[in-house]
Amino acid sequence: MRKVIAAINMTIDGICDHTAGLPDEEIHQHYADLLDSADVILYGRTTYQLMQYWQKLIKNPSGEKTADDFARAIDKISKIVFSHKLKNTDWDSAELATKPIEELVRELKQQSGKDILVGSRSLIIQLMNLNLIDEFQLCVHPVIAGKGLPLFENINDRTIFKLKKSKNFINGAVMLYYEPTI
């Protein structure tokens, strides 16, 4: 069965803000490799629209290898977007979800293939409350945002996790790999 991996950047104070982190070549390469190891990534509208930034680098590469590699990886992976506002995705490799998240994720898990990534705070919260996340990959950046949206908000039940491994980045960020101990 395929794993559902919640992969997200956050600050030391637990805020999920893709603009508050300290992305560098090493982190871009890490995420490009992660995208290459999966078949699909699930996004909510807000995060999806932030990720559309990378479409520009497909047409006009930056010249920075890891950023351009990440742009190619994000362009290639299938994206399913959960939105009530969007009418289309404007990205060939993206489609709007046509089923509720619980139904879609249960179907995807039963299919053969690579892992399923979840990259939006709102979807991570929903899937956590449904006990459908198999692994968390939390990239904690050495930044205090001071304000913003906390990742673990509106969680229904106490959940205990087991740290599987960690990875330190040169810029001080730490990737924590957790799995629920259900």
N, C-alpha and C. Protein backbone atom coordinates (compact mmCIF):
# COMPACT_ATOMS: atom_id res chain seq x y z
N MET A 1 0.83 -1.18 0.00
CA MET A 1 0.00 0.00 0.00
C MET A 1 0.89 1.25 0.00
N ARG A 2 0.48 2.25 -0.75
CA ARG A 2 1.23 3.51 -0.84
C ARG A 2 1.14 4.29 0.47
N LYS A 3 2.21 5.02 0.78
CA LYS A 3 2.22 5.85 1.99
C LYS A 3 1.76 7.26 1.64
N VAL A 4 1.07 7.86 2.61
CA VAL A 4 0.72 9.28 2.53
C VAL A 4 1.74 10.02 3.40
N ILE A 5 2.50 10.90 2.77
CA ILE A 5 3.55 11.64 3.47
C ILE A 5 3.19 13.12 3.49
N ALA A 6 3.05 13.65 4.70
CA ALA A 6 2.82 15.08 4.87
C ALA A 6 4.18 15.75 4.95
N ALA A 7 4.51 16.55 3.96
CA ALA A 7 5.82 17.20 3.89
C ALA A 7 5.60 18.70 3.87
N ILE A 8 6.16 19.39 4.86
CA ILE A 8 5.90 20.83 4.94
C ILE A 8 7.04 21.54 5.66
N ASN A 9 7.20 22.79 5.32
CA ASN A 9 8.16 23.67 5.99
C ASN A 9 7.47 24.39 7.13
N MET A 10 8.20 24.59 8.21
CA MET A 10 7.65 25.35 9.32
C MET A 10 8.77 26.06 10.06
N THR A 11 8.39 27.00 10.90
CA THR A 11 9.36 27.75 11.69
C THR A 11 9.48 27.10 13.06
N ILE A 12 10.47 27.54 13.84
CA ILE A 12 10.65 26.98 15.18
C ILE A 12 9.40 27.13 16.03
N ASP A 13 8.67 28.23 15.82
CA ASP A 13 7.45 28.45 16.61
C ASP A 13 6.22 27.77 16.01
N GLY A 14 6.43 26.85 15.07
CA GLY A 14 5.34 26.01 14.56
C GLY A 14 4.49 26.63 13.49
N ILE A 15 4.94 27.72 12.89
CA ILE A 15 4.15 28.41 11.88
C ILE A 15 4.47 27.85 10.50
N CYS A 16 3.42 27.58 9.73
CA CYS A 16 3.57 27.10 8.35
C CYS A 16 3.44 28.29 7.42
N ASP A 17 4.54 28.68 6.86
CA ASP A 17 4.57 29.81 5.94
C ASP A 17 5.71 29.55 4.98
N HIS A 18 5.36 29.22 3.74
CA HIS A 18 6.39 28.87 2.76
C HIS A 18 7.34 30.04 2.48
N THR A 19 6.96 31.24 2.87
CA THR A 19 7.81 32.39 2.62
C THR A 19 8.70 32.73 3.82
N ALA A 20 8.50 32.08 4.97
CA ALA A 20 9.26 32.41 6.18
C ALA A 20 10.53 31.58 6.34
N GLY A 21 10.64 30.49 5.59
CA GLY A 21 11.80 29.61 5.72
C GLY A 21 13.05 30.18 5.07
N LEU A 22 14.09 29.38 5.08
CA LEU A 22 15.38 29.77 4.52
C LEU A 22 15.79 28.78 3.43
N PRO A 23 15.04 28.74 2.33
CA PRO A 23 15.37 27.76 1.30
C PRO A 23 16.72 28.08 0.67
N ASP A 24 17.48 27.04 0.46
CA ASP A 24 18.78 27.19 -0.19
C ASP A 24 18.94 26.01 -1.15
N GLU A 25 20.13 25.90 -1.74
CA GLU A 25 20.35 24.83 -2.72
C GLU A 25 20.12 23.45 -2.13
N GLU A 26 20.59 23.23 -0.92
CA GLU A 26 20.47 21.92 -0.30
C GLU A 26 19.00 21.56 -0.05
N ILE A 27 18.22 22.51 0.42
CA ILE A 27 16.80 22.25 0.68
C ILE A 27 16.04 22.07 -0.63
N HIS A 28 16.34 22.88 -1.64
CA HIS A 28 15.69 22.69 -2.93
C HIS A 28 15.99 21.30 -3.48
N GLN A 29 17.24 20.84 -3.36
CA GLN A 29 17.59 19.51 -3.84
C GLN A 29 16.86 18.43 -3.06
N HIS A 30 16.75 18.61 -1.74
CA HIS A 30 16.03 17.64 -0.92
C HIS A 30 14.59 17.49 -1.41
N TYR A 31 13.93 18.62 -1.62
CA TYR A 31 12.52 18.56 -2.04
C TYR A 31 12.37 18.08 -3.48
N ALA A 32 13.32 18.38 -4.35
CA ALA A 32 13.27 17.84 -5.72
C ALA A 32 13.36 16.31 -5.67
N ASP A 33 14.25 15.80 -4.82
CA ASP A 33 14.38 14.34 -4.66
C ASP A 33 13.10 13.74 -4.09
N LEU A 34 12.49 14.42 -3.12
CA LEU A 34 11.23 13.94 -2.54
C LEU A 34 10.14 13.88 -3.60
N LEU A 35 10.02 14.92 -4.40
CA LEU A 35 9.01 14.92 -5.47
C LEU A 35 9.26 13.79 -6.46
N ASP A 36 10.52 13.51 -6.76
CA ASP A 36 10.84 12.42 -7.69
C ASP A 36 10.49 11.05 -7.12
N SER A 37 10.36 10.96 -5.79
CA SER A 37 10.06 9.67 -5.16
C SER A 37 8.56 9.41 -5.01
N ALA A 38 7.75 10.32 -5.52
CA ALA A 38 6.29 10.20 -5.37
C ALA A 38 5.61 10.28 -6.74
N ASP A 39 4.34 9.90 -6.77
CA ASP A 39 3.55 9.97 -8.00
C ASP A 39 2.65 11.19 -8.05
N VAL A 40 2.25 11.67 -6.87
CA VAL A 40 1.23 12.72 -6.82
C VAL A 40 1.44 13.55 -5.56
N ILE A 41 1.08 14.83 -5.67
CA ILE A 41 1.08 15.70 -4.49
C ILE A 41 -0.27 16.38 -4.41
N LEU A 42 -0.80 16.46 -3.21
CA LEU A 42 -2.10 17.07 -2.96
C LEU A 42 -1.88 18.46 -2.39
N TYR A 43 -2.61 19.43 -2.93
CA TYR A 43 -2.51 20.81 -2.49
C TYR A 43 -3.90 21.40 -2.24
N GLY A 44 -3.96 22.33 -1.31
CA GLY A 44 -5.10 23.22 -1.19
C GLY A 44 -4.83 24.40 -2.12
N ARG A 45 -5.82 25.23 -2.33
CA ARG A 45 -5.70 26.33 -3.28
C ARG A 45 -4.55 27.29 -2.95
N THR A 46 -4.45 27.72 -1.72
CA THR A 46 -3.46 28.74 -1.36
C THR A 46 -2.03 28.26 -1.64
N THR A 47 -1.70 27.06 -1.16
CA THR A 47 -0.35 26.54 -1.39
C THR A 47 -0.12 26.27 -2.87
N TYR A 48 -1.13 25.74 -3.54
CA TYR A 48 -1.00 25.49 -4.97
C TYR A 48 -0.65 26.77 -5.72
N GLN A 49 -1.36 27.84 -5.39
CA GLN A 49 -1.08 29.10 -6.09
C GLN A 49 0.33 29.62 -5.77
N LEU A 50 0.83 29.38 -4.57
CA LEU A 50 2.22 29.73 -4.27
C LEU A 50 3.19 28.89 -5.11
N MET A 51 2.87 27.62 -5.29
CA MET A 51 3.76 26.72 -6.04
C MET A 51 3.78 27.06 -7.53
N GLN A 52 2.77 27.75 -8.02
CA GLN A 52 2.76 28.12 -9.43
C GLN A 52 3.92 29.05 -9.79
N TYR A 53 4.56 29.63 -8.80
CA TYR A 53 5.77 30.42 -9.01
C TYR A 53 6.79 29.63 -9.83
N TRP A 54 6.87 28.32 -9.59
CA TRP A 54 7.89 27.50 -10.22
C TRP A 54 7.65 27.29 -11.70
N GLN A 55 6.43 27.54 -12.16
CA GLN A 55 6.15 27.42 -13.60
C GLN A 55 7.01 28.40 -14.41
N LYS A 56 7.29 29.57 -13.84
CA LYS A 56 8.10 30.57 -14.55
C LYS A 56 9.51 30.03 -14.83
N LEU A 57 10.05 29.24 -13.88
CA LEU A 57 11.41 28.73 -14.06
C LEU A 57 11.49 27.61 -15.09
N ILE A 58 10.36 27.00 -15.40
CA ILE A 58 10.35 25.99 -16.47
C ILE A 58 10.59 26.70 -17.80
N LYS A 59 9.91 27.81 -18.00
CA LYS A 59 10.05 28.56 -19.25
C LYS A 59 11.33 29.39 -19.29
N ASN A 60 11.71 29.93 -18.13
CA ASN A 60 12.90 30.78 -18.04
C ASN A 60 13.75 30.33 -16.85
N PRO A 61 14.59 29.30 -17.05
CA PRO A 61 15.42 28.80 -15.94
C PRO A 61 16.25 29.91 -15.29
N SER A 62 16.45 29.76 -13.99
CA SER A 62 17.16 30.78 -13.21
C SER A 62 18.68 30.69 -13.38
N GLY A 63 19.16 29.52 -13.80
CA GLY A 63 20.60 29.30 -13.87
C GLY A 63 21.15 28.70 -12.59
N GLU A 64 20.31 28.67 -11.54
CA GLU A 64 20.72 28.03 -10.28
C GLU A 64 20.24 26.59 -10.35
N LYS A 65 21.16 25.64 -10.43
CA LYS A 65 20.84 24.25 -10.72
C LYS A 65 19.76 23.66 -9.83
N THR A 66 19.87 23.82 -8.50
CA THR A 66 18.90 23.15 -7.63
C THR A 66 17.52 23.79 -7.72
N ALA A 67 17.44 25.09 -7.92
CA ALA A 67 16.13 25.73 -8.10
C ALA A 67 15.50 25.26 -9.41
N ASP A 68 16.30 25.18 -10.46
CA ASP A 68 15.79 24.71 -11.75
C ASP A 68 15.41 23.23 -11.69
N ASP A 69 16.19 22.41 -10.97
CA ASP A 69 15.85 21.00 -10.78
C ASP A 69 14.53 20.87 -10.02
N PHE A 70 14.35 21.70 -8.98
CA PHE A 70 13.10 21.66 -8.23
C PHE A 70 11.93 22.06 -9.14
N ALA A 71 12.12 23.08 -9.95
CA ALA A 71 11.06 23.51 -10.87
C ALA A 71 10.67 22.37 -11.81
N ARG A 72 11.66 21.64 -12.33
CA ARG A 72 11.36 20.51 -13.23
C ARG A 72 10.62 19.41 -12.46
N ALA A 73 11.04 19.13 -11.22
CA ALA A 73 10.38 18.08 -10.43
C ALA A 73 8.94 18.45 -10.10
N ILE A 74 8.70 19.69 -9.72
CA ILE A 74 7.34 20.12 -9.37
C ILE A 74 6.46 20.18 -10.62
N ASP A 75 7.07 20.49 -11.74
CA ASP A 75 6.31 20.52 -12.99
C ASP A 75 5.88 19.12 -13.41
N LYS A 76 6.77 18.16 -13.19
CA LYS A 76 6.54 16.78 -13.66
C LYS A 76 5.51 16.02 -12.82
N ILE A 77 5.51 16.21 -11.51
CA ILE A 77 4.64 15.41 -10.65
C ILE A 77 3.17 15.79 -10.84
N SER A 78 2.31 14.79 -10.77
CA SER A 78 0.87 15.05 -10.84
C SER A 78 0.44 15.77 -9.58
N LYS A 79 -0.39 16.78 -9.77
CA LYS A 79 -0.89 17.58 -8.65
C LYS A 79 -2.41 17.51 -8.65
N ILE A 80 -2.98 17.28 -7.47
CA ILE A 80 -4.43 17.33 -7.31
C ILE A 80 -4.71 18.47 -6.35
N VAL A 81 -5.55 19.40 -6.79
CA VAL A 81 -5.81 20.62 -6.05
C VAL A 81 -7.24 20.60 -5.52
N PHE A 82 -7.36 20.84 -4.22
CA PHE A 82 -8.67 20.93 -3.56
C PHE A 82 -9.02 22.40 -3.43
N SER A 83 -10.05 22.80 -4.17
CA SER A 83 -10.46 24.21 -4.16
C SER A 83 -11.92 24.34 -4.54
N HIS A 84 -12.59 25.25 -3.86
CA HIS A 84 -13.97 25.59 -4.24
C HIS A 84 -13.98 26.84 -5.11
N LYS A 85 -12.85 27.54 -5.16
CA LYS A 85 -12.79 28.81 -5.90
C LYS A 85 -12.21 28.67 -7.30
N LEU A 86 -11.20 27.82 -7.47
CA LEU A 86 -10.56 27.68 -8.78
C LEU A 86 -11.48 26.97 -9.76
N LYS A 87 -11.47 27.45 -10.98
CA LYS A 87 -12.25 26.81 -12.06
C LYS A 87 -11.34 25.96 -12.94
N ASN A 88 -10.04 26.28 -12.95
CA ASN A 88 -9.05 25.48 -13.67
C ASN A 88 -7.71 25.67 -12.98
N THR A 89 -6.74 24.85 -13.36
CA THR A 89 -5.44 24.89 -12.67
C THR A 89 -4.37 25.66 -13.43
N ASP A 90 -4.52 25.84 -14.70
CA ASP A 90 -3.52 26.52 -15.52
C ASP A 90 -2.14 25.86 -15.44
N TRP A 91 -2.13 24.55 -15.25
CA TRP A 91 -0.87 23.80 -15.20
C TRP A 91 -1.20 22.41 -15.75
N ASP A 92 -0.50 21.98 -16.79
CA ASP A 92 -0.82 20.71 -17.45
C ASP A 92 -0.79 19.51 -16.52
N SER A 93 0.10 19.53 -15.51
CA SER A 93 0.24 18.38 -14.62
C SER A 93 -0.64 18.48 -13.38
N ALA A 94 -1.57 19.43 -13.37
CA ALA A 94 -2.45 19.62 -12.21
C ALA A 94 -3.91 19.47 -12.62
N GLU A 95 -4.69 18.96 -11.69
CA GLU A 95 -6.13 18.85 -11.90
C GLU A 95 -6.85 19.19 -10.61
N LEU A 96 -8.08 19.62 -10.76
CA LEU A 96 -8.91 19.91 -9.60
C LEU A 96 -9.49 18.60 -9.07
N ALA A 97 -9.55 18.47 -7.76
CA ALA A 97 -10.13 17.27 -7.14
C ALA A 97 -11.61 17.22 -7.46
N THR A 98 -12.09 16.02 -7.74
CA THR A 98 -13.52 15.83 -8.03
C THR A 98 -14.21 14.99 -6.97
N LYS A 99 -13.44 14.56 -5.96
CA LYS A 99 -13.97 13.74 -4.88
C LYS A 99 -13.55 14.35 -3.56
N PRO A 100 -14.28 14.04 -2.50
CA PRO A 100 -13.84 14.49 -1.17
C PRO A 100 -12.47 13.91 -0.83
N ILE A 101 -11.71 14.63 -0.03
CA ILE A 101 -10.33 14.23 0.25
C ILE A 101 -10.23 12.83 0.85
N GLU A 102 -11.11 12.48 1.78
CA GLU A 102 -11.04 11.16 2.40
C GLU A 102 -11.21 10.06 1.36
N GLU A 103 -12.20 10.20 0.50
CA GLU A 103 -12.47 9.19 -0.52
C GLU A 103 -11.30 9.10 -1.51
N LEU A 104 -10.80 10.23 -1.96
CA LEU A 104 -9.70 10.23 -2.92
C LEU A 104 -8.44 9.61 -2.34
N VAL A 105 -8.08 9.98 -1.12
CA VAL A 105 -6.86 9.46 -0.51
C VAL A 105 -6.97 7.96 -0.27
N ARG A 106 -8.12 7.50 0.19
CA ARG A 106 -8.28 6.04 0.39
C ARG A 106 -8.13 5.30 -0.94
N GLU A 107 -8.67 5.85 -2.02
CA GLU A 107 -8.52 5.23 -3.34
C GLU A 107 -7.06 5.24 -3.79
N LEU A 108 -6.39 6.38 -3.64
CA LEU A 108 -4.99 6.48 -4.05
C LEU A 108 -4.11 5.50 -3.28
N LYS A 109 -4.38 5.34 -1.99
CA LYS A 109 -3.57 4.42 -1.18
C LYS A 109 -3.68 2.98 -1.66
N GLN A 110 -4.82 2.61 -2.20
CA GLN A 110 -5.05 1.24 -2.66
C GLN A 110 -4.41 0.97 -4.02
N GLN A 111 -4.10 2.02 -4.76
CA GLN A 111 -3.50 1.85 -6.08
C GLN A 111 -2.02 1.55 -5.95
N SER A 112 -1.48 0.93 -6.98
CA SER A 112 -0.03 0.70 -6.99
C SER A 112 0.66 1.98 -7.41
N GLY A 113 1.91 2.11 -7.02
CA GLY A 113 2.67 3.28 -7.41
C GLY A 113 3.53 3.78 -6.27
N LYS A 114 4.07 4.97 -6.48
CA LYS A 114 4.94 5.60 -5.49
C LYS A 114 4.10 6.31 -4.43
N ASP A 115 4.78 6.93 -3.48
CA ASP A 115 4.12 7.60 -2.37
C ASP A 115 3.24 8.77 -2.82
N ILE A 116 2.37 9.17 -1.91
CA ILE A 116 1.44 10.28 -2.10
C ILE A 116 1.90 11.39 -1.15
N LEU A 117 2.19 12.57 -1.68
CA LEU A 117 2.62 13.68 -0.85
C LEU A 117 1.46 14.63 -0.57
N VAL A 118 1.50 15.24 0.59
CA VAL A 118 0.54 16.28 0.95
C VAL A 118 1.36 17.49 1.35
N GLY A 119 1.14 18.62 0.68
CA GLY A 119 1.97 19.77 0.91
C GLY A 119 1.25 21.01 1.38
N SER A 120 0.02 20.87 1.85
CA SER A 120 -0.75 22.02 2.31
C SER A 120 -1.20 21.82 3.75
N ARG A 121 -1.07 22.86 4.53
CA ARG A 121 -1.44 22.83 5.94
C ARG A 121 -2.89 22.37 6.13
N SER A 122 -3.82 22.94 5.39
CA SER A 122 -5.23 22.60 5.56
C SER A 122 -5.50 21.12 5.28
N LEU A 123 -4.87 20.58 4.26
CA LEU A 123 -5.07 19.17 3.93
C LEU A 123 -4.40 18.27 4.96
N ILE A 124 -3.24 18.69 5.47
CA ILE A 124 -2.56 17.90 6.50
C ILE A 124 -3.45 17.80 7.74
N ILE A 125 -4.05 18.89 8.14
CA ILE A 125 -4.95 18.87 9.31
C ILE A 125 -6.12 17.93 9.07
N GLN A 126 -6.75 18.04 7.89
CA GLN A 126 -7.89 17.17 7.58
C GLN A 126 -7.48 15.70 7.60
N LEU A 127 -6.37 15.39 6.95
CA LEU A 127 -5.94 13.99 6.86
C LEU A 127 -5.46 13.46 8.21
N MET A 128 -4.88 14.32 9.02
CA MET A 128 -4.47 13.89 10.36
C MET A 128 -5.70 13.52 11.18
N ASN A 129 -6.75 14.33 11.09
CA ASN A 129 -7.98 14.04 11.82
C ASN A 129 -8.68 12.77 11.32
N LEU A 130 -8.37 12.37 10.10
CA LEU A 130 -8.91 11.14 9.52
C LEU A 130 -7.97 9.95 9.70
N ASN A 131 -6.83 10.17 10.38
CA ASN A 131 -5.81 9.13 10.57
C ASN A 131 -5.32 8.54 9.25
N LEU A 132 -5.11 9.41 8.27
CA LEU A 132 -4.69 8.94 6.96
C LEU A 132 -3.25 9.34 6.60
N ILE A 133 -2.51 9.89 7.54
CA ILE A 133 -1.12 10.24 7.27
C ILE A 133 -0.21 9.15 7.85
N ASP A 134 0.66 8.63 7.01
CA ASP A 134 1.57 7.57 7.41
C ASP A 134 2.92 8.09 7.89
N GLU A 135 3.29 9.28 7.43
CA GLU A 135 4.59 9.84 7.80
C GLU A 135 4.54 11.36 7.70
N PHE A 136 5.20 12.01 8.63
CA PHE A 136 5.38 13.45 8.59
C PHE A 136 6.84 13.73 8.28
N GLN A 137 7.08 14.65 7.37
CA GLN A 137 8.42 15.17 7.12
C GLN A 137 8.34 16.67 7.36
N LEU A 138 8.76 17.07 8.55
CA LEU A 138 8.67 18.46 8.97
C LEU A 138 10.04 19.10 8.85
N CYS A 139 10.15 20.09 7.98
CA CYS A 139 11.40 20.83 7.84
C CYS A 139 11.27 22.07 8.72
N VAL A 140 11.98 22.05 9.84
CA VAL A 140 11.92 23.14 10.81
C VAL A 140 13.07 24.10 10.52
N HIS A 141 12.70 25.31 10.13
CA HIS A 141 13.69 26.34 9.80
C HIS A 141 14.04 27.14 11.05
N PRO A 142 15.29 27.57 11.18
CA PRO A 142 15.73 28.31 12.37
C PRO A 142 15.26 29.77 12.33
N VAL A 143 13.94 29.92 12.33
CA VAL A 143 13.30 31.23 12.25
C VAL A 143 12.12 31.23 13.20
N ILE A 144 11.89 32.33 13.87
CA ILE A 144 10.65 32.52 14.62
C ILE A 144 9.82 33.51 13.81
N ALA A 145 8.66 33.06 13.36
CA ALA A 145 7.81 33.91 12.54
C ALA A 145 7.05 34.93 13.40
N GLY A 146 6.66 34.51 14.60
CA GLY A 146 5.95 35.41 15.49
C GLY A 146 4.47 35.53 15.22
N LYS A 147 4.05 35.20 14.02
CA LYS A 147 2.63 35.22 13.68
C LYS A 147 2.42 34.35 12.46
N GLY A 148 1.18 33.94 12.27
CA GLY A 148 0.85 33.10 11.13
C GLY A 148 0.02 31.92 11.55
N LEU A 149 -0.08 30.95 10.68
CA LEU A 149 -0.93 29.77 10.91
C LEU A 149 -0.11 28.61 11.47
N PRO A 150 -0.47 28.13 12.66
CA PRO A 150 0.24 26.97 13.21
C PRO A 150 -0.17 25.70 12.47
N LEU A 151 0.78 24.79 12.32
CA LEU A 151 0.46 23.55 11.62
C LEU A 151 -0.57 22.73 12.36
N PHE A 152 -0.36 22.50 13.63
CA PHE A 152 -1.23 21.58 14.36
C PHE A 152 -2.32 22.34 15.10
N GLU A 153 -3.27 22.82 14.34
CA GLU A 153 -4.41 23.56 14.86
C GLU A 153 -5.67 22.76 14.53
N ASN A 154 -6.61 22.77 15.45
CA ASN A 154 -7.90 22.08 15.24
C ASN A 154 -7.72 20.57 15.05
N ILE A 155 -6.83 19.99 15.80
CA ILE A 155 -6.61 18.55 15.76
C ILE A 155 -7.57 17.91 16.76
N ASN A 156 -8.23 16.84 16.33
CA ASN A 156 -9.26 16.21 17.16
C ASN A 156 -8.71 15.40 18.32
N ASP A 157 -7.65 14.65 18.08
CA ASP A 157 -7.18 13.70 19.08
C ASP A 157 -5.69 13.85 19.33
N ARG A 158 -5.31 13.50 20.54
CA ARG A 158 -3.89 13.44 20.88
C ARG A 158 -3.26 12.32 20.05
N THR A 159 -2.11 12.61 19.48
CA THR A 159 -1.40 11.62 18.68
C THR A 159 0.05 11.59 19.12
N ILE A 160 0.59 10.41 19.27
CA ILE A 160 1.98 10.24 19.66
C ILE A 160 2.75 9.77 18.43
N PHE A 161 3.95 10.32 18.25
CA PHE A 161 4.76 10.01 17.08
C PHE A 161 6.08 9.38 17.49
N LYS A 162 6.63 8.63 16.57
CA LYS A 162 7.96 8.05 16.74
C LYS A 162 8.88 8.74 15.74
N LEU A 163 10.00 9.26 16.23
CA LEU A 163 10.99 9.86 15.36
C LEU A 163 11.74 8.74 14.65
N LYS A 164 11.64 8.71 13.33
CA LYS A 164 12.32 7.68 12.54
C LYS A 164 13.76 8.08 12.23
N LYS A 165 13.94 9.35 11.89
CA LYS A 165 15.28 9.86 11.59
C LYS A 165 15.20 11.37 11.49
N SER A 166 16.35 11.99 11.37
CA SER A 166 16.42 13.43 11.16
C SER A 166 17.55 13.71 10.19
N LYS A 167 17.48 14.88 9.60
CA LYS A 167 18.49 15.30 8.64
C LYS A 167 18.78 16.77 8.91
N ASN A 168 20.04 17.09 9.11
CA ASN A 168 20.45 18.48 9.36
C ASN A 168 20.90 19.12 8.06
N PHE A 169 20.47 20.35 7.85
CA PHE A 169 20.88 21.11 6.68
C PHE A 169 21.93 22.14 7.10
N ILE A 170 22.77 22.52 6.19
CA ILE A 170 23.85 23.46 6.47
C ILE A 170 23.31 24.79 7.00
N ASN A 171 22.14 25.22 6.53
CA ASN A 171 21.60 26.52 6.93
C ASN A 171 20.95 26.50 8.32
N GLY A 172 20.99 25.35 9.00
CA GLY A 172 20.42 25.24 10.34
C GLY A 172 19.04 24.63 10.39
N ALA A 173 18.42 24.42 9.24
CA ALA A 173 17.12 23.74 9.21
C ALA A 173 17.33 22.27 9.54
N VAL A 174 16.29 21.65 10.08
CA VAL A 174 16.32 20.23 10.43
C VAL A 174 15.06 19.58 9.87
N MET A 175 15.26 18.46 9.16
CA MET A 175 14.13 17.68 8.67
C MET A 175 13.88 16.58 9.68
N LEU A 176 12.66 16.53 10.20
CA LEU A 176 12.26 15.52 11.17
C LEU A 176 11.29 14.56 10.50
N TYR A 177 11.59 13.29 10.57
CA TYR A 177 10.76 12.24 9.96
C TYR A 177 10.03 11.52 11.09
N TYR A 178 8.73 11.68 11.15
CA TYR A 178 7.91 11.07 12.20
C TYR A 178 6.87 10.16 11.60
N GLU A 179 6.52 9.13 12.35
CA GLU A 179 5.35 8.33 11.99
C GLU A 179 4.46 8.21 13.23
N PRO A 180 3.14 8.25 13.02
CA PRO A 180 2.23 8.07 14.14
C PRO A 180 2.40 6.67 14.72
N THR A 181 2.23 6.53 16.03
CA THR A 181 2.40 5.21 16.68
C THR A 181 1.05 4.53 16.89
N ILE A 182 0.11 4.78 16.04
CA ILE A 182 -1.26 4.24 16.19
C ILE A 182 -1.22 2.73 16.24
